[in-house]
């Protein structure tokens, strides 16, 4: 608020130029001159100087009421900034489209909520088509953070939070599965991470006769799948307009085809686990890191910083980053 407005409000409170000047630690002539200049700028008389104690003119009443509204807004602004700093006020929107983001964000949000229950968190996670849609939302400020596999967007800061492993899964009764069963890991071994490098499969041509359920060509999993398996056979059932692997995994459990899934997703799945064979490819493409991306302008945002810190702490506690 401008100094002249503060002077006028003090005169209104004290109902006296001399009392206001004393409270403001300035001379009365200086205060009177400042108020006269303000009234000239506004083109109105704020105070009726013919009455004692000093009163407001009708125009002056409107001016003082406006000053009080400005003071209330400033007070609210300072309160919100203070609450933002101590994490007792604010909001955060997180975007993502991968299946991992579905269960990973729920766990991280739970940990964050325990620490900062007054912060409102909105999850913008779903089938969005191209991942460019989410990057545009980050650019436009529609989301504050983005859960992503990509790190090639130099305009943003990307921080690793979670490491996962791609796994081939198929039902035991699927055609061709029996011949490969001696190479398979159990659900328990995947769940506990109890497998050795000797159990990894380097020659992925052993899956040449296996039918796989395809992913959208726009997905990271689809690209890695092609680089690992080459020109693989496709199952008779195809899924469109789904970017995460929930439906793919369910179709695999029904014996329709094999899928590329992840160790982190398998840990979330107990359904029909005893009838599923899991295979661990020995391939660079089978190692995947998940990142949280943000704009550089969020460097001083305590909510963003504390959420990322919570995410890293949670993932470290799960031994997700090796």
C-alpha atoms as a PDB file:
ATOM      1  CA  UNK A   1       0.000   0.000   0.000  1.00  0.00           C
ATOM      2  CA  UNK A   2       1.281   3.480  -0.888  1.00  0.00           C
ATOM      3  CA  UNK A   3       2.624   5.733   1.848  1.00  0.00           C
ATOM      4  CA  UNK A   4       0.023   8.461   1.181  1.00  0.00           C
ATOM      5  CA  UNK A   5      -2.766   5.887   1.692  1.00  0.00           C
ATOM      6  CA  UNK A   6      -1.225   4.838   4.992  1.00  0.00           C
ATOM      7  CA  UNK A   7      -1.111   8.503   6.052  1.00  0.00           C
ATOM      8  CA  UNK A   8      -4.778   8.995   5.161  1.00  0.00           C
ATOM      9  CA  UNK A   9      -5.828   5.877   7.027  1.00  0.00           C
ATOM     10  CA  UNK A  10      -3.918   6.941  10.132  1.00  0.00           C
ATOM     11  CA  UNK A  11      -5.690  10.321  10.085  1.00  0.00           C
ATOM     12  CA  UNK A  12      -9.011   8.474   9.764  1.00  0.00           C
ATOM     13  CA  UNK A  13      -8.153   6.252  12.752  1.00  0.00           C
ATOM     14  CA  UNK A  14      -6.984   9.116  14.955  1.00  0.00           C
ATOM     15  CA  UNK A  15      -9.655  11.574  13.691  1.00  0.00           C
ATOM     16  CA  UNK A  16      -6.961  14.213  14.070  1.00  0.00           C
ATOM     17  CA  UNK A  17      -4.035  15.435  11.991  1.00  0.00           C
ATOM     18  CA  UNK A  18      -1.923  16.190  15.027  1.00  0.00           C
ATOM     19  CA  UNK A  19      -2.530  12.788  16.662  1.00  0.00           C
ATOM     20  CA  UNK A  20      -1.883  11.007  13.366  1.00  0.00           C
ATOM     21  CA  UNK A  21       1.349  12.977  12.808  1.00  0.00           C
ATOM     22  CA  UNK A  22       2.542  11.979  16.258  1.00  0.00           C
ATOM     23  CA  UNK A  23       1.753   8.301  15.636  1.00  0.00           C
ATOM     24  CA  UNK A  24       3.526   8.433  12.259  1.00  0.00           C
ATOM     25  CA  UNK A  25       6.563  10.291  13.660  1.00  0.00           C
ATOM     26  CA  UNK A  26       6.301  13.115  11.133  1.00  0.00           C
ATOM     27  CA  UNK A  27       5.438  16.784  11.488  1.00  0.00           C
ATOM     28  CA  UNK A  28       1.835  17.914  11.213  1.00  0.00           C
ATOM     29  CA  UNK A  29       2.564  20.319   8.297  1.00  0.00           C
ATOM     30  CA  UNK A  30       4.250  17.478   6.379  1.00  0.00           C
ATOM     31  CA  UNK A  31       1.252  15.217   6.992  1.00  0.00           C
ATOM     32  CA  UNK A  32      -1.253  17.900   5.989  1.00  0.00           C
ATOM     33  CA  UNK A  33       0.698  18.573   2.790  1.00  0.00           C
ATOM     34  CA  UNK A  34       0.800  14.849   1.950  1.00  0.00           C
ATOM     35  CA  UNK A  35      -2.968  14.497   2.425  1.00  0.00           C
ATOM     36  CA  UNK A  36      -3.628  17.635   0.340  1.00  0.00           C
ATOM     37  CA  UNK A  37      -1.530  16.227  -2.518  1.00  0.00           C
ATOM     38  CA  UNK A  38      -3.422  12.917  -2.302  1.00  0.00           C
ATOM     39  CA  UNK A  39      -6.810  14.653  -2.402  1.00  0.00           C
ATOM     40  CA  UNK A  40      -5.666  16.687  -5.410  1.00  0.00           C
ATOM     41  CA  UNK A  41      -4.568  13.512  -7.232  1.00  0.00           C
ATOM     42  CA  UNK A  42      -7.904  11.819  -6.478  1.00  0.00           C
ATOM     43  CA  UNK A  43      -9.945  14.915  -7.254  1.00  0.00           C
ATOM     44  CA  UNK A  44     -11.950  14.597  -4.032  1.00  0.00           C
ATOM     45  CA  UNK A  45     -11.939  15.778  -0.430  1.00  0.00           C
ATOM     46  CA  UNK A  46     -11.301  12.828   1.900  1.00  0.00           C
ATOM     47  CA  UNK A  47     -11.839  14.679   5.174  1.00  0.00           C
ATOM     48  CA  UNK A  48     -14.352  17.278   6.251  1.00  0.00           C
ATOM     49  CA  UNK A  49     -12.074  19.707   8.076  1.00  0.00           C
ATOM     50  CA  UNK A  50     -14.943  21.912   9.259  1.00  0.00           C
ATOM     51  CA  UNK A  51     -15.998  19.438  11.924  1.00  0.00           C
ATOM     52  CA  UNK A  52     -14.327  18.248  15.087  1.00  0.00           C
ATOM     53  CA  UNK A  53     -13.479  15.498  15.539  1.00  0.00           C
ATOM     54  CA  UNK A  54     -12.426  15.091  11.930  1.00  0.00           C
ATOM     55  CA  UNK A  55     -14.953  13.193   9.774  1.00  0.00           C
ATOM     56  CA  UNK A  56     -14.978  11.601   6.331  1.00  0.00           C
ATOM     57  CA  UNK A  57     -16.748  13.037   3.330  1.00  0.00           C
ATOM     58  CA  UNK A  58     -19.009  10.653   1.376  1.00  0.00           C
ATOM     59  CA  UNK A  59     -16.210  10.245  -1.203  1.00  0.00           C
ATOM     60  CA  UNK A  60     -13.714   9.843   1.607  1.00  0.00           C
ATOM     61  CA  UNK A  61     -15.782   6.991   3.081  1.00  0.00           C
ATOM     62  CA  UNK A  62     -15.513   5.108  -0.234  1.00  0.00           C
ATOM     63  CA  UNK A  63     -11.770   5.750  -0.325  1.00  0.00           C
ATOM     64  CA  UNK A  64     -11.201   4.490   3.246  1.00  0.00           C
ATOM     65  CA  UNK A  65     -13.369   1.399   2.645  1.00  0.00           C
ATOM     66  CA  UNK A  66     -11.232   0.637  -0.416  1.00  0.00           C
ATOM     67  CA  UNK A  67      -8.070   1.078   1.654  1.00  0.00           C
ATOM     68  CA  UNK A  68      -9.449  -1.410   4.213  1.00  0.00           C
ATOM     69  CA  UNK A  69     -10.117  -3.917   1.433  1.00  0.00           C
ATOM     70  CA  UNK A  70      -6.540  -3.519   0.190  1.00  0.00           C
ATOM     71  CA  UNK A  71      -5.203  -3.971   3.717  1.00  0.00           C
ATOM     72  CA  UNK A  72      -7.276  -7.150   4.134  1.00  0.00           C
ATOM     73  CA  UNK A  73      -5.919  -8.520   0.838  1.00  0.00           C
ATOM     74  CA  UNK A  74      -2.350  -7.729   1.865  1.00  0.00           C
ATOM     75  CA  UNK A  75      -2.888  -9.395   5.226  1.00  0.00           C
ATOM     76  CA  UNK A  76      -4.290 -12.491   3.527  1.00  0.00           C
ATOM     77  CA  UNK A  77      -1.364 -12.508   1.113  1.00  0.00           C
ATOM     78  CA  UNK A  78       1.171 -12.436   3.937  1.00  0.00           C
ATOM     79  CA  UNK A  79      -0.724 -15.159   5.794  1.00  0.00           C
ATOM     80  CA  UNK A  80      -0.771 -17.430   2.756  1.00  0.00           C
ATOM     81  CA  UNK A  81       2.932 -16.865   2.072  1.00  0.00           C
ATOM     82  CA  UNK A  82       3.707 -17.630   5.708  1.00  0.00           C
ATOM     83  CA  UNK A  83       1.561 -20.783   5.649  1.00  0.00           C
ATOM     84  CA  UNK A  84       3.151 -21.859   2.369  1.00  0.00           C
ATOM     85  CA  UNK A  85       6.580 -21.606   3.945  1.00  0.00           C
ATOM     86  CA  UNK A  86       5.605 -23.721   6.949  1.00  0.00           C
ATOM     87  CA  UNK A  87       3.598 -26.214   4.783  1.00  0.00           C
ATOM     88  CA  UNK A  88       0.247 -25.464   6.411  1.00  0.00           C
ATOM     89  CA  UNK A  89      -1.316 -24.088   3.225  1.00  0.00           C
ATOM     90  CA  UNK A  90      -1.078 -24.733  -0.516  1.00  0.00           C
ATOM     91  CA  UNK A  91      -1.711 -27.205  -3.294  1.00  0.00           C
ATOM     92  CA  UNK A  92       0.142 -29.435  -5.738  1.00  0.00           C
ATOM     93  CA  UNK A  93      -0.880 -31.102  -9.012  1.00  0.00           C
ATOM     94  CA  UNK A  94       0.969 -34.171 -10.291  1.00  0.00           C
ATOM     95  CA  UNK A  95       0.686 -35.586 -13.801  1.00  0.00           C
ATOM     96  CA  UNK A  96       1.489 -39.024 -15.175  1.00  0.00           C
ATOM     97  CA  UNK A  97       0.167 -41.778 -17.413  1.00  0.00           C
ATOM     98  CA  UNK A  98       2.228 -44.912 -16.753  1.00  0.00           C
ATOM     99  CA  UNK A  99       0.886 -47.832 -14.750  1.00  0.00           C
ATOM    100  CA  UNK A 100       3.772 -47.432 -12.329  1.00  0.00           C
ATOM    101  CA  UNK A 101       2.600 -43.899 -11.569  1.00  0.00           C
ATOM    102  CA  UNK A 102      -0.787 -45.311 -10.545  1.00  0.00           C
ATOM    103  CA  UNK A 103       0.426 -47.313  -7.569  1.00  0.00           C
ATOM    104  CA  UNK A 104       3.675 -45.423  -6.942  1.00  0.00           C
ATOM    105  CA  UNK A 105       1.974 -42.043  -6.566  1.00  0.00           C
ATOM    106  CA  UNK A 106      -0.676 -43.425  -4.216  1.00  0.00           C
ATOM    107  CA  UNK A 107       2.035 -44.669  -1.852  1.00  0.00           C
ATOM    108  CA  UNK A 108       4.084 -41.481  -2.071  1.00  0.00           C
ATOM    109  CA  UNK A 109       0.986 -39.290  -1.628  1.00  0.00           C
ATOM    110  CA  UNK A 110       0.108 -41.304   1.464  1.00  0.00           C
ATOM    111  CA  UNK A 111       3.544 -40.647   2.957  1.00  0.00           C
ATOM    112  CA  UNK A 112       3.330 -36.962   1.996  1.00  0.00           C
ATOM    113  CA  UNK A 113      -0.149 -36.603   3.527  1.00  0.00           C
ATOM    114  CA  UNK A 114       1.076 -37.963   6.856  1.00  0.00           C
ATOM    115  CA  UNK A 115       3.716 -35.235   6.975  1.00  0.00           C
ATOM    116  CA  UNK A 116       1.686 -32.373   5.492  1.00  0.00           C
ATOM    117  CA  UNK A 117      -2.053 -33.076   5.867  1.00  0.00           C
ATOM    118  CA  UNK A 118      -3.104 -29.507   5.014  1.00  0.00           C
ATOM    119  CA  UNK A 119      -1.597 -29.536   1.506  1.00  0.00           C
ATOM    120  CA  UNK A 120      -4.130 -30.335  -1.220  1.00  0.00           C
ATOM    121  CA  UNK A 121      -2.766 -32.800  -3.793  1.00  0.00           C
ATOM    122  CA  UNK A 122      -4.441 -33.333  -7.179  1.00  0.00           C
ATOM    123  CA  UNK A 123      -3.443 -36.299  -9.367  1.00  0.00           C
ATOM    124  CA  UNK A 124      -3.828 -35.823 -13.111  1.00  0.00           C
ATOM    125  CA  UNK A 125      -3.036 -39.414 -14.016  1.00  0.00           C
ATOM    126  CA  UNK A 126      -4.781 -41.303 -16.790  1.00  0.00           C
ATOM    127  CA  UNK A 127      -5.005 -42.174 -20.445  1.00  0.00           C
ATOM    128  CA  UNK A 128      -3.838 -39.014 -22.194  1.00  0.00           C
ATOM    129  CA  UNK A 129      -2.731 -40.353 -25.578  1.00  0.00           C
ATOM    130  CA  UNK A 130       0.684 -38.934 -26.462  1.00  0.00           C
ATOM    131  CA  UNK A 131       3.021 -38.137 -23.568  1.00  0.00           C
ATOM    132  CA  UNK A 132       3.455 -34.709 -25.201  1.00  0.00           C
ATOM    133  CA  UNK A 133       0.077 -33.800 -23.703  1.00  0.00           C
ATOM    134  CA  UNK A 134       1.541 -34.118 -20.217  1.00  0.00           C
ATOM    135  CA  UNK A 135       4.671 -32.163 -21.110  1.00  0.00           C
ATOM    136  CA  UNK A 136       2.430 -29.382 -22.440  1.00  0.00           C
ATOM    137  CA  UNK A 137       0.562 -29.388 -19.121  1.00  0.00           C
ATOM    138  CA  UNK A 138       3.854 -29.025 -17.276  1.00  0.00           C
ATOM    139  CA  UNK A 139       4.870 -26.195 -19.604  1.00  0.00           C
ATOM    140  CA  UNK A 140       1.548 -24.386 -19.128  1.00  0.00           C
ATOM    141  CA  UNK A 141       1.573 -24.807 -15.355  1.00  0.00           C
ATOM    142  CA  UNK A 142      -1.446 -27.149 -15.333  1.00  0.00           C
ATOM    143  CA  UNK A 143       0.669 -29.649 -13.403  1.00  0.00           C
ATOM    144  CA  UNK A 144       3.510 -28.854 -11.007  1.00  0.00           C
ATOM    145  CA  UNK A 145       5.260 -32.213 -11.264  1.00  0.00           C
ATOM    146  CA  UNK A 146       5.324 -34.913 -13.925  1.00  0.00           C
ATOM    147  CA  UNK A 147       6.061 -38.614 -13.383  1.00  0.00           C
ATOM    148  CA  UNK A 148       7.911 -39.680 -16.514  1.00  0.00           C
ATOM    149  CA  UNK A 149      10.381 -42.074 -18.106  1.00  0.00           C
ATOM    150  CA  UNK A 150      11.888 -39.323 -20.274  1.00  0.00           C
ATOM    151  CA  UNK A 151      14.867 -37.116 -19.502  1.00  0.00           C
ATOM    152  CA  UNK A 152      15.332 -35.490 -22.922  1.00  0.00           C
ATOM    153  CA  UNK A 153      13.378 -32.330 -22.132  1.00  0.00           C
ATOM    154  CA  UNK A 154      16.223 -29.914 -21.410  1.00  0.00           C
ATOM    155  CA  UNK A 155      13.846 -27.111 -20.459  1.00  0.00           C
ATOM    156  CA  UNK A 156      12.921 -28.949 -17.271  1.00  0.00           C
ATOM    157  CA  UNK A 157      14.623 -30.449 -14.241  1.00  0.00           C
ATOM    158  CA  UNK A 158      14.276 -34.238 -14.046  1.00  0.00           C
ATOM    159  CA  UNK A 159      15.215 -36.143 -10.891  1.00  0.00           C
ATOM    160  CA  UNK A 160      15.388 -39.963 -10.608  1.00  0.00           C
ATOM    161  CA  UNK A 161      13.188 -41.495  -7.933  1.00  0.00           C
ATOM    162  CA  UNK A 162      12.452 -45.119  -8.827  1.00  0.00           C
ATOM    163  CA  UNK A 163      14.220 -47.925 -10.658  1.00  0.00           C
ATOM    164  CA  UNK A 164      12.283 -50.852 -12.085  1.00  0.00           C
ATOM    165  CA  UNK A 165      13.007 -53.940 -14.142  1.00  0.00           C
ATOM    166  CA  UNK A 166      11.091 -55.112 -17.196  1.00  0.00           C
ATOM    167  CA  UNK A 167       9.924 -58.712 -16.915  1.00  0.00           C
ATOM    168  CA  UNK A 168       8.285 -61.079 -19.401  1.00  0.00           C
ATOM    169  CA  UNK A 169       5.193 -62.772 -17.982  1.00  0.00           C
ATOM    170  CA  UNK A 170       2.947 -65.507 -19.373  1.00  0.00           C
ATOM    171  CA  UNK A 171       0.359 -67.974 -18.134  1.00  0.00           C
ATOM    172  CA  UNK A 172       1.602 -71.530 -17.574  1.00  0.00           C
ATOM    173  CA  UNK A 173      -1.042 -72.949 -19.895  1.00  0.00           C
ATOM    174  CA  UNK A 174      -0.279 -70.601 -22.768  1.00  0.00           C
ATOM    175  CA  UNK A 175       1.003 -72.249 -25.947  1.00  0.00           C
ATOM    176  CA  UNK A 176       4.794 -72.548 -25.762  1.00  0.00           C
ATOM    177  CA  UNK A 177       5.035 -71.762 -22.050  1.00  0.00           C
ATOM    178  CA  UNK A 178       5.800 -75.320 -20.917  1.00  0.00           C
ATOM    179  CA  UNK A 179       8.973 -75.486 -23.015  1.00  0.00           C
ATOM    180  CA  UNK A 180      10.270 -72.350 -21.290  1.00  0.00           C
ATOM    181  CA  UNK A 181       9.217 -73.143 -17.723  1.00  0.00           C
ATOM    182  CA  UNK A 182      12.735 -74.229 -16.712  1.00  0.00           C
ATOM    183  CA  UNK A 183      13.919 -70.630 -17.325  1.00  0.00           C
ATOM    184  CA  UNK A 184      11.158 -69.015 -15.283  1.00  0.00           C
ATOM    185  CA  UNK A 185      11.166 -67.228 -11.946  1.00  0.00           C
ATOM    186  CA  UNK A 186       8.366 -67.568  -9.429  1.00  0.00           C
ATOM    187  CA  UNK A 187       6.147 -64.789  -8.161  1.00  0.00           C
ATOM    188  CA  UNK A 188       7.841 -65.092  -4.775  1.00  0.00           C
ATOM    189  CA  UNK A 189      11.314 -64.624  -6.286  1.00  0.00           C
ATOM    190  CA  UNK A 190      10.153 -61.476  -8.095  1.00  0.00           C
ATOM    191  CA  UNK A 191       8.337 -60.254  -4.990  1.00  0.00           C
ATOM    192  CA  UNK A 192      11.406 -60.581  -2.776  1.00  0.00           C
ATOM    193  CA  UNK A 193      13.953 -59.709  -5.443  1.00  0.00           C
ATOM    194  CA  UNK A 194      15.632 -63.047  -4.759  1.00  0.00           C
ATOM    195  CA  UNK A 195      17.143 -63.974  -8.102  1.00  0.00           C
ATOM    196  CA  UNK A 196      20.659 -64.198  -9.432  1.00  0.00           C
ATOM    197  CA  UNK A 197      22.286 -62.948 -12.623  1.00  0.00           C
ATOM    198  CA  UNK A 198      22.507 -66.566 -13.769  1.00  0.00           C
ATOM    199  CA  UNK A 199      18.708 -66.610 -13.961  1.00  0.00           C
ATOM    200  CA  UNK A 200      18.644 -63.716 -16.442  1.00  0.00           C
ATOM    201  CA  UNK A 201      17.992 -64.688 -20.066  1.00  0.00           C
ATOM    202  CA  UNK A 202      20.476 -63.228 -22.531  1.00  0.00           C
ATOM    203  CA  UNK A 203      19.279 -64.994 -25.684  1.00  0.00           C
ATOM    204  CA  UNK A 204      15.761 -63.656 -26.112  1.00  0.00           C
ATOM    205  CA  UNK A 205      15.274 -65.645 -29.314  1.00  0.00           C
ATOM    206  CA  UNK A 206      13.851 -68.365 -27.048  1.00  0.00           C
ATOM    207  CA  UNK A 207      10.644 -66.309 -27.157  1.00  0.00           C
ATOM    208  CA  UNK A 208      10.422 -66.269 -30.966  1.00  0.00           C
ATOM    209  CA  UNK A 209       7.435 -68.631 -30.959  1.00  0.00           C
ATOM    210  CA  UNK A 210       5.607 -66.836 -28.152  1.00  0.00           C
ATOM    211  CA  UNK A 211       2.726 -64.497 -28.957  1.00  0.00           C
ATOM    212  CA  UNK A 212       2.882 -61.137 -27.154  1.00  0.00           C
ATOM    213  CA  UNK A 213       0.167 -58.601 -26.462  1.00  0.00           C
ATOM    214  CA  UNK A 214       1.198 -55.327 -28.096  1.00  0.00           C
ATOM    215  CA  UNK A 215       1.417 -51.935 -26.437  1.00  0.00           C
ATOM    216  CA  UNK A 216       0.669 -48.608 -28.050  1.00  0.00           C
ATOM    217  CA  UNK A 217       3.560 -47.629 -30.329  1.00  0.00           C
ATOM    218  CA  UNK A 218       3.743 -44.315 -28.454  1.00  0.00           C
ATOM    219  CA  UNK A 219       4.564 -45.929 -25.108  1.00  0.00           C
ATOM    220  CA  UNK A 220       8.023 -46.371 -23.624  1.00  0.00           C
ATOM    221  CA  UNK A 221       7.292 -50.055 -22.958  1.00  0.00           C
ATOM    222  CA  UNK A 222       6.445 -50.654 -26.634  1.00  0.00           C
ATOM    223  CA  UNK A 223       9.713 -49.116 -27.793  1.00  0.00           C
ATOM    224  CA  UNK A 224      11.767 -51.138 -25.317  1.00  0.00           C
ATOM    225  CA  UNK A 225       9.837 -54.290 -26.190  1.00  0.00           C
ATOM    226  CA  UNK A 226      10.694 -53.905 -29.873  1.00  0.00           C
ATOM    227  CA  UNK A 227      14.366 -53.253 -29.136  1.00  0.00           C
ATOM    228  CA  UNK A 228      14.545 -56.358 -26.933  1.00  0.00           C
ATOM    229  CA  UNK A 229      12.456 -58.811 -28.934  1.00  0.00           C
ATOM    230  CA  UNK A 230      12.694 -57.492 -32.476  1.00  0.00           C
ATOM    231  CA  UNK A 231       9.889 -58.612 -34.815  1.00  0.00           C
ATOM    232  CA  UNK A 232       7.910 -60.611 -32.240  1.00  0.00           C
ATOM    233  CA  UNK A 233       4.694 -62.537 -32.820  1.00  0.00           C
ATOM    234  CA  UNK A 234       1.542 -60.731 -31.770  1.00  0.00           C
ATOM    235  CA  UNK A 235      -1.472 -62.150 -29.957  1.00  0.00           C
ATOM    236  CA  UNK A 236      -4.890 -62.222 -31.594  1.00  0.00           C
ATOM    237  CA  UNK A 237      -6.240 -59.764 -29.013  1.00  0.00           C
ATOM    238  CA  UNK A 238      -5.081 -56.147 -29.353  1.00  0.00           C
ATOM    239  CA  UNK A 239      -5.735 -53.205 -27.026  1.00  0.00           C
ATOM    240  CA  UNK A 240      -6.229 -49.643 -28.241  1.00  0.00           C
ATOM    241  CA  UNK A 241      -6.256 -46.322 -26.381  1.00  0.00           C
ATOM    242  CA  UNK A 242      -4.693 -47.707 -23.203  1.00  0.00           C
ATOM    243  CA  UNK A 243      -1.213 -46.508 -22.251  1.00  0.00           C
ATOM    244  CA  UNK A 244      -0.694 -48.398 -18.992  1.00  0.00           C
ATOM    245  CA  UNK A 245      -0.390 -52.174 -18.553  1.00  0.00           C
ATOM    246  CA  UNK A 246      -3.351 -53.073 -16.315  1.00  0.00           C
ATOM    247  CA  UNK A 247      -5.462 -54.526 -19.139  1.00  0.00           C
ATOM    248  CA  UNK A 248      -2.442 -56.161 -20.776  1.00  0.00           C
ATOM    249  CA  UNK A 249      -1.627 -57.973 -17.541  1.00  0.00           C
ATOM    250  CA  UNK A 250      -5.219 -59.140 -17.098  1.00  0.00           C
ATOM    251  CA  UNK A 251      -5.316 -60.545 -20.631  1.00  0.00           C
ATOM    252  CA  UNK A 252      -2.045 -62.334 -19.974  1.00  0.00           C
ATOM    253  CA  UNK A 253      -3.564 -63.905 -16.844  1.00  0.00           C
ATOM    254  CA  UNK A 254      -6.398 -65.135 -19.060  1.00  0.00           C
ATOM    255  CA  UNK A 255      -3.856 -66.948 -21.251  1.00  0.00           C
ATOM    256  CA  UNK A 256      -4.256 -64.765 -24.344  1.00  0.00           C
ATOM    257  CA  UNK A 257      -0.598 -63.811 -24.733  1.00  0.00           C
ATOM    258  CA  UNK A 258       2.647 -62.928 -22.988  1.00  0.00           C
ATOM    259  CA  UNK A 259       3.345 -59.377 -21.829  1.00  0.00           C
ATOM    260  CA  UNK A 260       6.214 -57.132 -20.921  1.00  0.00           C
ATOM    261  CA  UNK A 261       5.535 -55.931 -17.387  1.00  0.00           C
ATOM    262  CA  UNK A 262       7.722 -54.734 -14.503  1.00  0.00           C
ATOM    263  CA  UNK A 263       8.897 -56.157 -11.202  1.00  0.00           C
ATOM    264  CA  UNK A 264       7.230 -53.218  -9.441  1.00  0.00           C
ATOM    265  CA  UNK A 265       3.884 -53.968 -11.113  1.00  0.00           C
ATOM    266  CA  UNK A 266       4.180 -57.673 -10.316  1.00  0.00           C
ATOM    267  CA  UNK A 267       4.576 -56.830  -6.641  1.00  0.00           C
ATOM    268  CA  UNK A 268       1.133 -55.234  -6.797  1.00  0.00           C
ATOM    269  CA  UNK A 269      -0.441 -58.325  -8.388  1.00  0.00           C
ATOM    270  CA  UNK A 270      -1.467 -61.360  -6.365  1.00  0.00           C
ATOM    271  CA  UNK A 271      -4.232 -62.535  -8.688  1.00  0.00           C
ATOM    272  CA  UNK A 272      -3.486 -65.940 -10.267  1.00  0.00           C
ATOM    273  CA  UNK A 273       0.200 -65.516  -9.323  1.00  0.00           C
ATOM    274  CA  UNK A 274       0.823 -69.257  -8.865  1.00  0.00           C
ATOM    275  CA  UNK A 275      -0.099 -69.856 -12.526  1.00  0.00           C
ATOM    276  CA  UNK A 276       2.191 -67.195 -14.018  1.00  0.00           C
ATOM    277  CA  UNK A 277       5.740 -67.692 -15.270  1.00  0.00           C
ATOM    278  CA  UNK A 278       8.142 -64.770 -15.058  1.00  0.00           C
ATOM    279  CA  UNK A 279      11.303 -64.330 -17.129  1.00  0.00           C
ATOM    280  CA  UNK A 280      14.060 -61.799 -16.548  1.00  0.00           C
ATOM    281  CA  UNK A 281      15.740 -60.498 -19.744  1.00  0.00           C
ATOM    282  CA  UNK A 282      19.463 -59.816 -19.583  1.00  0.00           C
ATOM    283  CA  UNK A 283      19.261 -56.632 -21.613  1.00  0.00           C
ATOM    284  CA  UNK A 284      19.985 -52.953 -21.054  1.00  0.00           C
ATOM    285  CA  UNK A 285      16.459 -52.113 -22.221  1.00  0.00           C
ATOM    286  CA  UNK A 286      15.025 -54.059 -19.281  1.00  0.00           C
ATOM    287  CA  UNK A 287      16.360 -51.488 -16.795  1.00  0.00           C
ATOM    288  CA  UNK A 288      14.197 -48.393 -16.521  1.00  0.00           C
ATOM    289  CA  UNK A 289      14.325 -45.329 -14.282  1.00  0.00           C
ATOM    290  CA  UNK A 290      11.299 -43.232 -13.386  1.00  0.00           C
ATOM    291  CA  UNK A 291      11.792 -39.497 -12.939  1.00  0.00           C
ATOM    292  CA  UNK A 292       9.908 -36.546 -11.538  1.00  0.00           C
ATOM    293  CA  UNK A 293      10.090 -33.518 -13.832  1.00  0.00           C
ATOM    294  CA  UNK A 294       9.473 -29.908 -12.846  1.00  0.00           C
ATOM    295  CA  UNK A 295      10.011 -26.393 -14.126  1.00  0.00           C
ATOM    296  CA  UNK A 296      13.052 -24.357 -13.054  1.00  0.00           C
ATOM    297  CA  UNK A 297      10.678 -21.736 -11.658  1.00  0.00           C
ATOM    298  CA  UNK A 298       9.721 -24.127  -8.824  1.00  0.00           C
ATOM    299  CA  UNK A 299      13.196 -23.946  -7.245  1.00  0.00           C
ATOM    300  CA  UNK A 300      11.859 -21.864  -4.356  1.00  0.00           C
ATOM    301  CA  UNK A 301       8.561 -23.715  -3.944  1.00  0.00           C
ATOM    302  CA  UNK A 302       8.670 -25.566  -0.587  1.00  0.00           C
ATOM    303  CA  UNK A 303       5.708 -27.809  -1.465  1.00  0.00           C
ATOM    304  CA  UNK A 304       7.395 -29.083  -4.634  1.00  0.00           C
ATOM    305  CA  UNK A 305      10.700 -29.566  -2.810  1.00  0.00           C
ATOM    306  CA  UNK A 306       9.109 -31.451   0.085  1.00  0.00           C
ATOM    307  CA  UNK A 307       7.072 -33.693  -2.205  1.00  0.00           C
ATOM    308  CA  UNK A 308      10.153 -34.705  -4.197  1.00  0.00           C
ATOM    309  CA  UNK A 309      12.055 -35.308  -0.961  1.00  0.00           C
ATOM    310  CA  UNK A 310       9.189 -37.484   0.308  1.00  0.00           C
ATOM    311  CA  UNK A 311       9.163 -39.398  -2.992  1.00  0.00           C
ATOM    312  CA  UNK A 312      12.897 -40.063  -2.812  1.00  0.00           C
ATOM    313  CA  UNK A 313      12.709 -41.122   0.839  1.00  0.00           C
ATOM    314  CA  UNK A 314       9.821 -43.496   0.148  1.00  0.00           C
ATOM    315  CA  UNK A 315      11.506 -45.083  -2.879  1.00  0.00           C
ATOM    316  CA  UNK A 316      14.789 -45.436  -0.989  1.00  0.00           C
ATOM    317  CA  UNK A 317      12.923 -47.177   1.833  1.00  0.00           C
ATOM    318  CA  UNK A 318      11.584 -49.650  -0.729  1.00  0.00           C
ATOM    319  CA  UNK A 319      15.124 -50.207  -2.027  1.00  0.00           C
ATOM    320  CA  UNK A 320      13.859 -49.088  -5.396  1.00  0.00           C
ATOM    321  CA  UNK A 321      17.004 -47.172  -6.362  1.00  0.00           C
ATOM    322  CA  UNK A 322      20.101 -49.338  -6.573  1.00  0.00           C
END
